Amino acid sequence: MRRTALAALCLAAAATATLTGCLPGDDKADSKPKGPFAGQTGGEIADRAVKATSNAKSLRMKGDIQDDGSRVGIDMALDKKGHCAGTISAGGEGKADLVKTGDTLYMRYDEKFLRAQGEGDSAEETDGVVALLAGKWTKMSATGSDADDIAEFCDLGTVLGEFDDVSSDARRGRTTTVDGVPAIVLHEKDGKDTYTLYVATEGKPYLLKVVSKSAKDPGTVTFGDFDEPVPAEKPKGKILDLDELGG
């Protein structure tokens, strides 16, 4: 069983590494709920949000979270056909653009990102990698061993597996908006850690935003562009084939 907020953060963290420690909670009823979702507890609303979000054919996630002590930034659109497009950054140390379409994974790294990933290598080795790759689109087979983890993340169906078996003890809060979309605020708590969820009150009850104030995994993630086409297209111009370089 998993808390809704932590499951959502797990989903976003799957871009680089899956967060663990998603804990169970006991359902608690809210007293005399009114307004949007009248008659439903916070836990029931959270469960509806999980179901609606899990049924989305595509979505975009954007946010900033902490994973193993470093900040992970993500802005990624992905769908259940295995397409994705967006950017990933780690600890503010540069970024990588990523596109997966068909069985091919395309990536482009900036110099700062490459130098951060080259920590522990000699200056000569790092300079060589930067000269070869910085600012250039690369490609590799999405079915190859080097691309397995990223290719799996690009499959929304696999990523949404983090939402399986969610049980929430969320409490209802005020109504507000998230990027102009009307939403209801839900609150979850685990010891000193608190989590705030925002669920759409119009149309399908999608999960729109999660804010974690946790010592272990603080961060904010937003979700949007539900069921919209993912702009996953082969980059234009010259592309460096990493599979050929690897021999």
C-alpha atoms as a PDB file:
ATOM      1  CA  MET A   1       0.000   0.000   0.000  1.00  0.00           C
ATOM      2  CA  ARG A   2       1.324   3.468  -0.824  1.00  0.00           C
ATOM      3  CA  ARG A   3       0.434   7.032   0.091  1.00  0.00           C
ATOM      4  CA  THR A   4      -0.803   9.024  -2.874  1.00  0.00           C
ATOM      5  CA  ALA A   5       1.680  11.883  -2.469  1.00  0.00           C
ATOM      6  CA  LEU A   6       4.697   9.645  -2.172  1.00  0.00           C
ATOM      7  CA  ALA A   7       3.536   7.577  -5.132  1.00  0.00           C
ATOM      8  CA  ALA A   8       3.381  10.732  -7.240  1.00  0.00           C
ATOM      9  CA  LEU A   9       6.889  11.733  -6.177  1.00  0.00           C
ATOM     10  CA  CYS A  10       8.071   8.213  -6.930  1.00  0.00           C
ATOM     11  CA  LEU A  11       6.599   8.586 -10.403  1.00  0.00           C
ATOM     12  CA  ALA A  12       8.576  11.738 -11.108  1.00  0.00           C
ATOM     13  CA  ALA A  13      11.776  10.407  -9.566  1.00  0.00           C
ATOM     14  CA  ALA A  14      11.689   7.465 -11.963  1.00  0.00           C
ATOM     15  CA  ALA A  15      13.340   9.795 -14.454  1.00  0.00           C
ATOM     16  CA  THR A  16      16.680   9.026 -12.858  1.00  0.00           C
ATOM     17  CA  ALA A  17      16.135   6.632  -9.969  1.00  0.00           C
ATOM     18  CA  THR A  18      13.053   5.356  -8.162  1.00  0.00           C
ATOM     19  CA  LEU A  19      12.469   6.773  -4.692  1.00  0.00           C
ATOM     20  CA  THR A  20      11.686   4.196  -2.032  1.00  0.00           C
ATOM     21  CA  GLY A  21      10.080   4.384   1.343  1.00  0.00           C
ATOM     22  CA  CYS A  22       6.468   4.946   0.211  1.00  0.00           C
ATOM     23  CA  LEU A  23       4.555   4.255   3.380  1.00  0.00           C
ATOM     24  CA  PRO A  24       1.016   3.023   4.149  1.00  0.00           C
ATOM     25  CA  GLY A  25      -1.590   5.179   5.833  1.00  0.00           C
ATOM     26  CA  ASP A  26      -4.928   4.692   7.574  1.00  0.00           C
ATOM     27  CA  ASP A  27      -8.025   6.154   5.917  1.00  0.00           C
ATOM     28  CA  LYS A  28      -9.633   8.962   7.895  1.00  0.00           C
ATOM     29  CA  ALA A  29     -13.053  10.426   7.102  1.00  0.00           C
ATOM     30  CA  ASP A  30     -13.516  14.193   6.859  1.00  0.00           C
ATOM     31  CA  SER A  31     -16.400  15.727   8.728  1.00  0.00           C
ATOM     32  CA  LYS A  32     -19.338  16.923   6.605  1.00  0.00           C
ATOM     33  CA  PRO A  33     -17.429  17.623   3.355  1.00  0.00           C
ATOM     34  CA  LYS A  34     -19.039  20.261   1.132  1.00  0.00           C
ATOM     35  CA  GLY A  35     -18.388  21.929  -2.223  1.00  0.00           C
ATOM     36  CA  PRO A  36     -16.565  19.986  -4.962  1.00  0.00           C
ATOM     37  CA  PHE A  37     -16.646  16.227  -4.301  1.00  0.00           C
ATOM     38  CA  ALA A  38     -19.382  16.795  -1.702  1.00  0.00           C
ATOM     39  CA  GLY A  39     -19.889  13.762   0.502  1.00  0.00           C
ATOM     40  CA  GLN A  40     -16.462  12.298  -0.256  1.00  0.00           C
ATOM     41  CA  THR A  41     -13.531  12.047   2.104  1.00  0.00           C
ATOM     42  CA  GLY A  42     -10.062  13.261   1.200  1.00  0.00           C
ATOM     43  CA  GLY A  43      -8.953   9.649   0.854  1.00  0.00           C
ATOM     44  CA  GLU A  44     -11.780   8.893  -1.557  1.00  0.00           C
ATOM     45  CA  ILE A  45     -10.912  11.942  -3.665  1.00  0.00           C
ATOM     46  CA  ALA A  46      -7.255  10.911  -3.720  1.00  0.00           C
ATOM     47  CA  ASP A  47      -8.229   7.427  -4.861  1.00  0.00           C
ATOM     48  CA  ARG A  48     -10.302   8.926  -7.702  1.00  0.00           C
ATOM     49  CA  ALA A  49      -7.350  11.115  -8.685  1.00  0.00           C
ATOM     50  CA  VAL A  50      -5.059   8.099  -8.824  1.00  0.00           C
ATOM     51  CA  LYS A  51      -7.508   6.191 -11.020  1.00  0.00           C
ATOM     52  CA  ALA A  52      -8.055   9.116 -13.406  1.00  0.00           C
ATOM     53  CA  THR A  53      -4.338   9.849 -13.689  1.00  0.00           C
ATOM     54  CA  SER A  54      -3.505   6.173 -14.202  1.00  0.00           C
ATOM     55  CA  ASN A  55      -6.004   6.011 -17.064  1.00  0.00           C
ATOM     56  CA  ALA A  56      -4.459   8.961 -18.906  1.00  0.00           C
ATOM     57  CA  LYS A  57      -2.966   8.000 -22.280  1.00  0.00           C
ATOM     58  CA  SER A  58      -0.279  10.669 -21.900  1.00  0.00           C
ATOM     59  CA  LEU A  59       0.776  13.462 -19.554  1.00  0.00           C
ATOM     60  CA  ARG A  60       3.499  15.970 -18.812  1.00  0.00           C
ATOM     61  CA  MET A  61       5.305  16.059 -15.477  1.00  0.00           C
ATOM     62  CA  LYS A  62       7.379  18.982 -14.365  1.00  0.00           C
ATOM     63  CA  GLY A  63       9.105  19.605 -11.098  1.00  0.00           C
ATOM     64  CA  ASP A  64      12.062  19.601  -8.792  1.00  0.00           C
ATOM     65  CA  ILE A  65      12.663  16.848  -6.258  1.00  0.00           C
ATOM     66  CA  GLN A  66      15.475  15.462  -4.139  1.00  0.00           C
ATOM     67  CA  ASP A  67      16.934  12.040  -4.797  1.00  0.00           C
ATOM     68  CA  ASP A  68      19.815  10.606  -2.755  1.00  0.00           C
ATOM     69  CA  GLY A  69      20.773  14.084  -1.567  1.00  0.00           C
ATOM     70  CA  SER A  70      20.801  15.747  -4.992  1.00  0.00           C
ATOM     71  CA  ARG A  71      18.224  17.854  -6.731  1.00  0.00           C
ATOM     72  CA  VAL A  72      16.583  16.352  -9.786  1.00  0.00           C
ATOM     73  CA  GLY A  73      14.778  18.603 -12.229  1.00  0.00           C
ATOM     74  CA  ILE A  74      12.403  17.170 -14.795  1.00  0.00           C
ATOM     75  CA  ASP A  75      10.139  18.475 -17.534  1.00  0.00           C
ATOM     76  CA  MET A  76       8.927  15.494 -19.530  1.00  0.00           C
ATOM     77  CA  ALA A  77       5.953  14.505 -21.672  1.00  0.00           C
ATOM     78  CA  LEU A  78       5.359  10.780 -22.097  1.00  0.00           C
ATOM     79  CA  ASP A  79       2.664   8.362 -23.221  1.00  0.00           C
ATOM     80  CA  LYS A  80       1.650   4.727 -23.031  1.00  0.00           C
ATOM     81  CA  LYS A  81       3.081   3.999 -26.470  1.00  0.00           C
ATOM     82  CA  GLY A  82       6.617   4.553 -25.166  1.00  0.00           C
ATOM     83  CA  HIS A  83       7.182   8.020 -26.617  1.00  0.00           C
ATOM     84  CA  CYS A  84       8.717  10.797 -24.536  1.00  0.00           C
ATOM     85  CA  ALA A  85      10.266  14.217 -24.944  1.00  0.00           C
ATOM     86  CA  GLY A  86      11.699  16.670 -22.446  1.00  0.00           C
ATOM     87  CA  THR A  87      14.655  17.567 -20.253  1.00  0.00           C
ATOM     88  CA  ILE A  88      16.349  16.206 -17.146  1.00  0.00           C
ATOM     89  CA  SER A  89      18.810  17.979 -14.862  1.00  0.00           C
ATOM     90  CA  ALA A  90      20.655  16.919 -11.715  1.00  0.00           C
ATOM     91  CA  GLY A  91      21.746  19.167  -8.888  1.00  0.00           C
ATOM     92  CA  GLY A  92      21.656  22.230 -11.084  1.00  0.00           C
ATOM     93  CA  GLU A  93      24.653  20.830 -12.943  1.00  0.00           C
ATOM     94  CA  GLY A  94      23.543  21.187 -16.529  1.00  0.00           C
ATOM     95  CA  LYS A  95      20.779  19.419 -18.382  1.00  0.00           C
ATOM     96  CA  ALA A  96      20.105  16.690 -20.918  1.00  0.00           C
ATOM     97  CA  ASP A  97      17.421  16.785 -23.607  1.00  0.00           C
ATOM     98  CA  LEU A  98      15.722  13.473 -24.299  1.00  0.00           C
ATOM     99  CA  VAL A  99      13.443  12.158 -27.049  1.00  0.00           C
ATOM    100  CA  LYS A 100      12.295   8.589 -27.596  1.00  0.00           C
ATOM    101  CA  THR A 101      10.332   7.656 -30.672  1.00  0.00           C
ATOM    102  CA  GLY A 102       9.957   4.142 -31.999  1.00  0.00           C
ATOM    103  CA  ASP A 103      12.942   2.033 -30.960  1.00  0.00           C
ATOM    104  CA  THR A 104      15.397   4.935 -30.916  1.00  0.00           C
ATOM    105  CA  LEU A 105      16.480   7.083 -28.003  1.00  0.00           C
ATOM    106  CA  TYR A 106      17.892  10.538 -28.756  1.00  0.00           C
ATOM    107  CA  MET A 107      19.800  12.599 -26.161  1.00  0.00           C
ATOM    108  CA  ARG A 108      21.676  15.888 -26.140  1.00  0.00           C
ATOM    109  CA  TYR A 109      23.868  16.940 -23.216  1.00  0.00           C
ATOM    110  CA  ASP A 110      25.249  20.354 -22.378  1.00  0.00           C
ATOM    111  CA  GLU A 111      28.858  20.769 -21.235  1.00  0.00           C
ATOM    112  CA  LYS A 112      28.005  21.335 -17.586  1.00  0.00           C
ATOM    113  CA  PHE A 113      26.024  18.105 -17.434  1.00  0.00           C
ATOM    114  CA  LEU A 114      28.825  16.089 -19.041  1.00  0.00           C
ATOM    115  CA  ARG A 115      31.469  17.483 -16.713  1.00  0.00           C
ATOM    116  CA  ALA A 116      29.319  16.692 -13.679  1.00  0.00           C
ATOM    117  CA  GLN A 117      28.830  13.113 -14.896  1.00  0.00           C
ATOM    118  CA  GLY A 118      32.566  12.805 -15.488  1.00  0.00           C
ATOM    119  CA  GLU A 119      33.452  13.328 -11.847  1.00  0.00           C
ATOM    120  CA  GLY A 120      36.253  10.936 -10.943  1.00  0.00           C
ATOM    121  CA  ASP A 121      37.567  10.700 -14.500  1.00  0.00           C
ATOM    122  CA  SER A 122      40.782  12.378 -15.591  1.00  0.00           C
ATOM    123  CA  ALA A 123      40.600  15.912 -16.978  1.00  0.00           C
ATOM    124  CA  GLU A 124      41.786  14.563 -20.312  1.00  0.00           C
ATOM    125  CA  GLU A 125      38.993  11.975 -20.471  1.00  0.00           C
ATOM    126  CA  THR A 126      36.332  14.502 -19.500  1.00  0.00           C
ATOM    127  CA  ASP A 127      37.587  17.048 -22.017  1.00  0.00           C
ATOM    128  CA  GLY A 128      37.418  14.363 -24.704  1.00  0.00           C
ATOM    129  CA  VAL A 129      33.820  13.480 -23.863  1.00  0.00           C
ATOM    130  CA  VAL A 130      32.833  17.162 -23.825  1.00  0.00           C
ATOM    131  CA  ALA A 131      34.473  17.772 -27.196  1.00  0.00           C
ATOM    132  CA  LEU A 132      32.698  14.761 -28.677  1.00  0.00           C
ATOM    133  CA  LEU A 133      29.206  15.154 -27.228  1.00  0.00           C
ATOM    134  CA  ALA A 134      28.462  18.612 -25.802  1.00  0.00           C
ATOM    135  CA  GLY A 135      25.531  20.265 -27.545  1.00  0.00           C
ATOM    136  CA  LYS A 136      25.175  17.470 -30.109  1.00  0.00           C
ATOM    137  CA  TRP A 137      22.257  15.140 -30.608  1.00  0.00           C
ATOM    138  CA  THR A 138      23.117  11.476 -30.133  1.00  0.00           C
ATOM    139  CA  LYS A 139      21.129   8.337 -30.716  1.00  0.00           C
ATOM    140  CA  MET A 140      21.159   4.741 -29.557  1.00  0.00           C
ATOM    141  CA  SER A 141      18.877   1.747 -29.725  1.00  0.00           C
ATOM    142  CA  ALA A 142      16.174   1.987 -27.055  1.00  0.00           C
ATOM    143  CA  THR A 143      16.397  -1.797 -26.674  1.00  0.00           C
ATOM    144  CA  GLY A 144      20.111  -1.782 -25.880  1.00  0.00           C
ATOM    145  CA  SER A 145      21.462  -2.355 -22.376  1.00  0.00           C
ATOM    146  CA  ASP A 146      22.688   1.244 -22.078  1.00  0.00           C
ATOM    147  CA  ALA A 147      19.188   2.596 -22.705  1.00  0.00           C
ATOM    148  CA  ASP A 148      17.030   0.157 -20.714  1.00  0.00           C
ATOM    149  CA  ASP A 149      16.323   2.353 -17.694  1.00  0.00           C
ATOM    150  CA  ILE A 150      15.522   5.494 -19.672  1.00  0.00           C
ATOM    151  CA  ALA A 151      13.437   3.630 -22.243  1.00  0.00           C
ATOM    152  CA  GLU A 152      11.402   2.078 -19.439  1.00  0.00           C
ATOM    153  CA  PHE A 153      10.784   5.506 -17.939  1.00  0.00           C
ATOM    154  CA  CYS A 154       9.464   6.712 -21.301  1.00  0.00           C
ATOM    155  CA  ASP A 155       6.626   4.183 -21.113  1.00  0.00           C
ATOM    156  CA  LEU A 156       3.856   5.899 -19.150  1.00  0.00           C
ATOM    157  CA  GLY A 157       2.162   2.585 -18.477  1.00  0.00           C
ATOM    158  CA  THR A 158       5.276   1.349 -16.694  1.00  0.00           C
ATOM    159  CA  VAL A 159       5.821   4.610 -14.844  1.00  0.00           C
ATOM    160  CA  LEU A 160       2.216   4.718 -13.635  1.00  0.00           C
ATOM    161  CA  GLY A 161       2.825   1.352 -12.029  1.00  0.00           C
ATOM    162  CA  GLU A 162       3.998   3.471  -9.085  1.00  0.00           C
ATOM    163  CA  PHE A 163       0.334   4.307  -8.550  1.00  0.00           C
ATOM    164  CA  ASP A 164      -0.714   0.699  -7.987  1.00  0.00           C
ATOM    165  CA  ASP A 165      -2.422  -0.177  -4.726  1.00  0.00           C
ATOM    166  CA  VAL A 166      -2.574   3.349  -3.303  1.00  0.00           C
ATOM    167  CA  SER A 167      -4.374   3.857   0.003  1.00  0.00           C
ATOM    168  CA  SER A 168      -4.643   7.454   1.163  1.00  0.00           C
ATOM    169  CA  ASP A 169      -5.452   9.054   4.495  1.00  0.00           C
ATOM    170  CA  ALA A 170      -5.680  12.517   2.917  1.00  0.00           C
ATOM    171  CA  ARG A 171      -7.755  15.265   4.523  1.00  0.00           C
ATOM    172  CA  ARG A 172      -9.779  17.756   2.511  1.00  0.00           C
ATOM    173  CA  GLY A 173      -8.615  21.374   2.374  1.00  0.00           C
ATOM    174  CA  ARG A 174      -9.524  24.575   0.560  1.00  0.00           C
ATOM    175  CA  THR A 175     -10.215  25.046  -3.136  1.00  0.00           C
ATOM    176  CA  THR A 176      -7.734  26.861  -5.368  1.00  0.00           C
ATOM    177  CA  THR A 177      -6.359  26.744  -8.920  1.00  0.00           C
ATOM    178  CA  VAL A 178      -3.288  25.132 -10.479  1.00  0.00           C
ATOM    179  CA  ASP A 179      -2.208  26.832 -13.698  1.00  0.00           C
ATOM    180  CA  GLY A 180      -5.740  28.152 -14.048  1.00  0.00           C
ATOM    181  CA  VAL A 181      -7.425  24.781 -13.425  1.00  0.00           C
ATOM    182  CA  PRO A 182      -9.842  24.680 -10.433  1.00  0.00           C
ATOM    183  CA  ALA A 183      -8.604  22.244  -7.803  1.00  0.00           C
ATOM    184  CA  ILE A 184      -9.183  20.996  -4.301  1.00  0.00           C
ATOM    185  CA  VAL A 185      -6.299  20.742  -1.835  1.00  0.00           C
ATOM    186  CA  LEU A 186      -5.706  17.515   0.063  1.00  0.00           C
ATOM    187  CA  HIS A 187      -3.305  17.066   2.984  1.00  0.00           C
ATOM    188  CA  GLU A 188      -1.385  13.962   4.012  1.00  0.00           C
ATOM    189  CA  LYS A 189       0.938  13.584   6.986  1.00  0.00           C
ATOM    190  CA  ASP A 190       3.470  11.006   8.119  1.00  0.00           C
ATOM    191  CA  GLY A 191       5.098  11.974  11.391  1.00  0.00           C
ATOM    192  CA  LYS A 192       6.736  15.366  10.836  1.00  0.00           C
ATOM    193  CA  ASP A 193       6.541  15.040   7.052  1.00  0.00           C
ATOM    194  CA  THR A 194       3.632  16.667   5.228  1.00  0.00           C
ATOM    195  CA  TYR A 195       2.371  16.294   1.668  1.00  0.00           C
ATOM    196  CA  THR A 196      -0.089  18.506  -0.201  1.00  0.00           C
ATOM    197  CA  LEU A 197      -2.034  17.239  -3.214  1.00  0.00           C
ATOM    198  CA  TYR A 198      -4.058  19.260  -5.705  1.00  0.00           C
ATOM    199  CA  VAL A 199      -6.863  17.469  -7.576  1.00  0.00           C
ATOM    200  CA  ALA A 200      -8.858  18.893 -10.482  1.00  0.00           C
ATOM    201  CA  THR A 201     -12.480  19.665  -9.560  1.00  0.00           C
ATOM    202  CA  GLU A 202     -13.687  20.116 -13.151  1.00  0.00           C
ATOM    203  CA  GLY A 203     -13.622  17.425 -15.811  1.00  0.00           C
ATOM    204  CA  LYS A 204     -11.699  14.311 -14.845  1.00  0.00           C
ATOM    205  CA  PRO A 205     -10.270  14.421 -11.288  1.00  0.00           C
ATOM    206  CA  TYR A 206      -6.638  14.385 -12.392  1.00  0.00           C
ATOM    207  CA  LEU A 207      -3.809  14.834  -9.923  1.00  0.00           C
ATOM    208  CA  LEU A 208      -2.438  18.275 -10.825  1.00  0.00           C
ATOM    209  CA  LYS A 209       0.284  18.923  -8.268  1.00  0.00           C
ATOM    210  CA  VAL A 210       2.097  17.387  -5.314  1.00  0.00           C
ATOM    211  CA  VAL A 211       4.183  19.309  -2.775  1.00  0.00           C
ATOM    212  CA  SER A 212       6.344  17.342  -0.355  1.00  0.00           C
ATOM    213  CA  LYS A 213       7.755  18.881   2.817  1.00  0.00           C
ATOM    214  CA  SER A 214       9.742  15.882   3.854  1.00  0.00           C
ATOM    215  CA  ALA A 215      13.261  15.673   5.211  1.00  0.00           C
ATOM    216  CA  LYS A 216      13.997  12.750   2.870  1.00  0.00           C
ATOM    217  CA  ASP A 217      12.238  13.647  -0.369  1.00  0.00           C
ATOM    218  CA  PRO A 218      11.169  17.306  -0.491  1.00  0.00           C
ATOM    219  CA  GLY A 219      10.007  18.718  -3.783  1.00  0.00           C
ATOM    220  CA  THR A 220       7.194  19.817  -6.041  1.00  0.00           C
ATOM    221  CA  VAL A 221       5.802  18.033  -9.081  1.00  0.00           C
ATOM    222  CA  THR A 222       3.020  19.210 -11.401  1.00  0.00           C
ATOM    223  CA  PHE A 223       1.076  17.150 -13.930  1.00  0.00           C
ATOM    224  CA  GLY A 224      -0.701  18.404 -17.033  1.00  0.00           C
ATOM    225  CA  ASP A 225      -1.303  18.018 -20.776  1.00  0.00           C
ATOM    226  CA  PHE A 226      -3.330  14.880 -20.101  1.00  0.00           C
ATOM    227  CA  ASP A 227      -4.094  12.853 -23.249  1.00  0.00           C
ATOM    228  CA  GLU A 228      -2.231  15.389 -25.417  1.00  0.00           C
ATOM    229  CA  PRO A 229       0.098  14.144 -28.190  1.00  0.00           C
ATOM    230  CA  VAL A 230       3.730  13.863 -27.072  1.00  0.00           C
ATOM    231  CA  PRO A 231       6.060  15.983 -29.285  1.00  0.00           C
ATOM    232  CA  ALA A 232       8.490  13.103 -29.808  1.00  0.00           C
ATOM    233  CA  GLU A 233      10.114  13.673 -33.190  1.00  0.00           C
ATOM    234  CA  LYS A 234      13.526  12.776 -34.544  1.00  0.00           C
ATOM    235  CA  PRO A 235      15.835  15.796 -34.057  1.00  0.00           C
ATOM    236  CA  LYS A 236      16.868  17.641 -37.182  1.00  0.00           C
ATOM    237  CA  GLY A 237      20.441  17.931 -38.366  1.00  0.00           C
ATOM    238  CA  LYS A 238      23.449  15.720 -37.750  1.00  0.00           C
ATOM    239  CA  ILE A 239      23.041  12.975 -35.142  1.00  0.00           C
ATOM    240  CA  LEU A 240      25.925  11.033 -33.604  1.00  0.00           C
ATOM    241  CA  ASP A 241      25.259   7.274 -33.489  1.00  0.00           C
ATOM    242  CA  LEU A 242      26.570   6.021 -30.135  1.00  0.00           C
ATOM    243  CA  ASP A 243      25.919   2.371 -31.023  1.00  0.00           C
ATOM    244  CA  GLU A 244      28.330   2.689 -33.958  1.00  0.00           C
ATOM    245  CA  LEU A 245      30.933   4.388 -31.767  1.00  0.00           C
ATOM    246  CA  GLY A 246      30.631   1.602 -29.248  1.00  0.00           C
ATOM    247  CA  GLY A 247      31.494  -0.865 -31.962  1.00  0.00           C
END
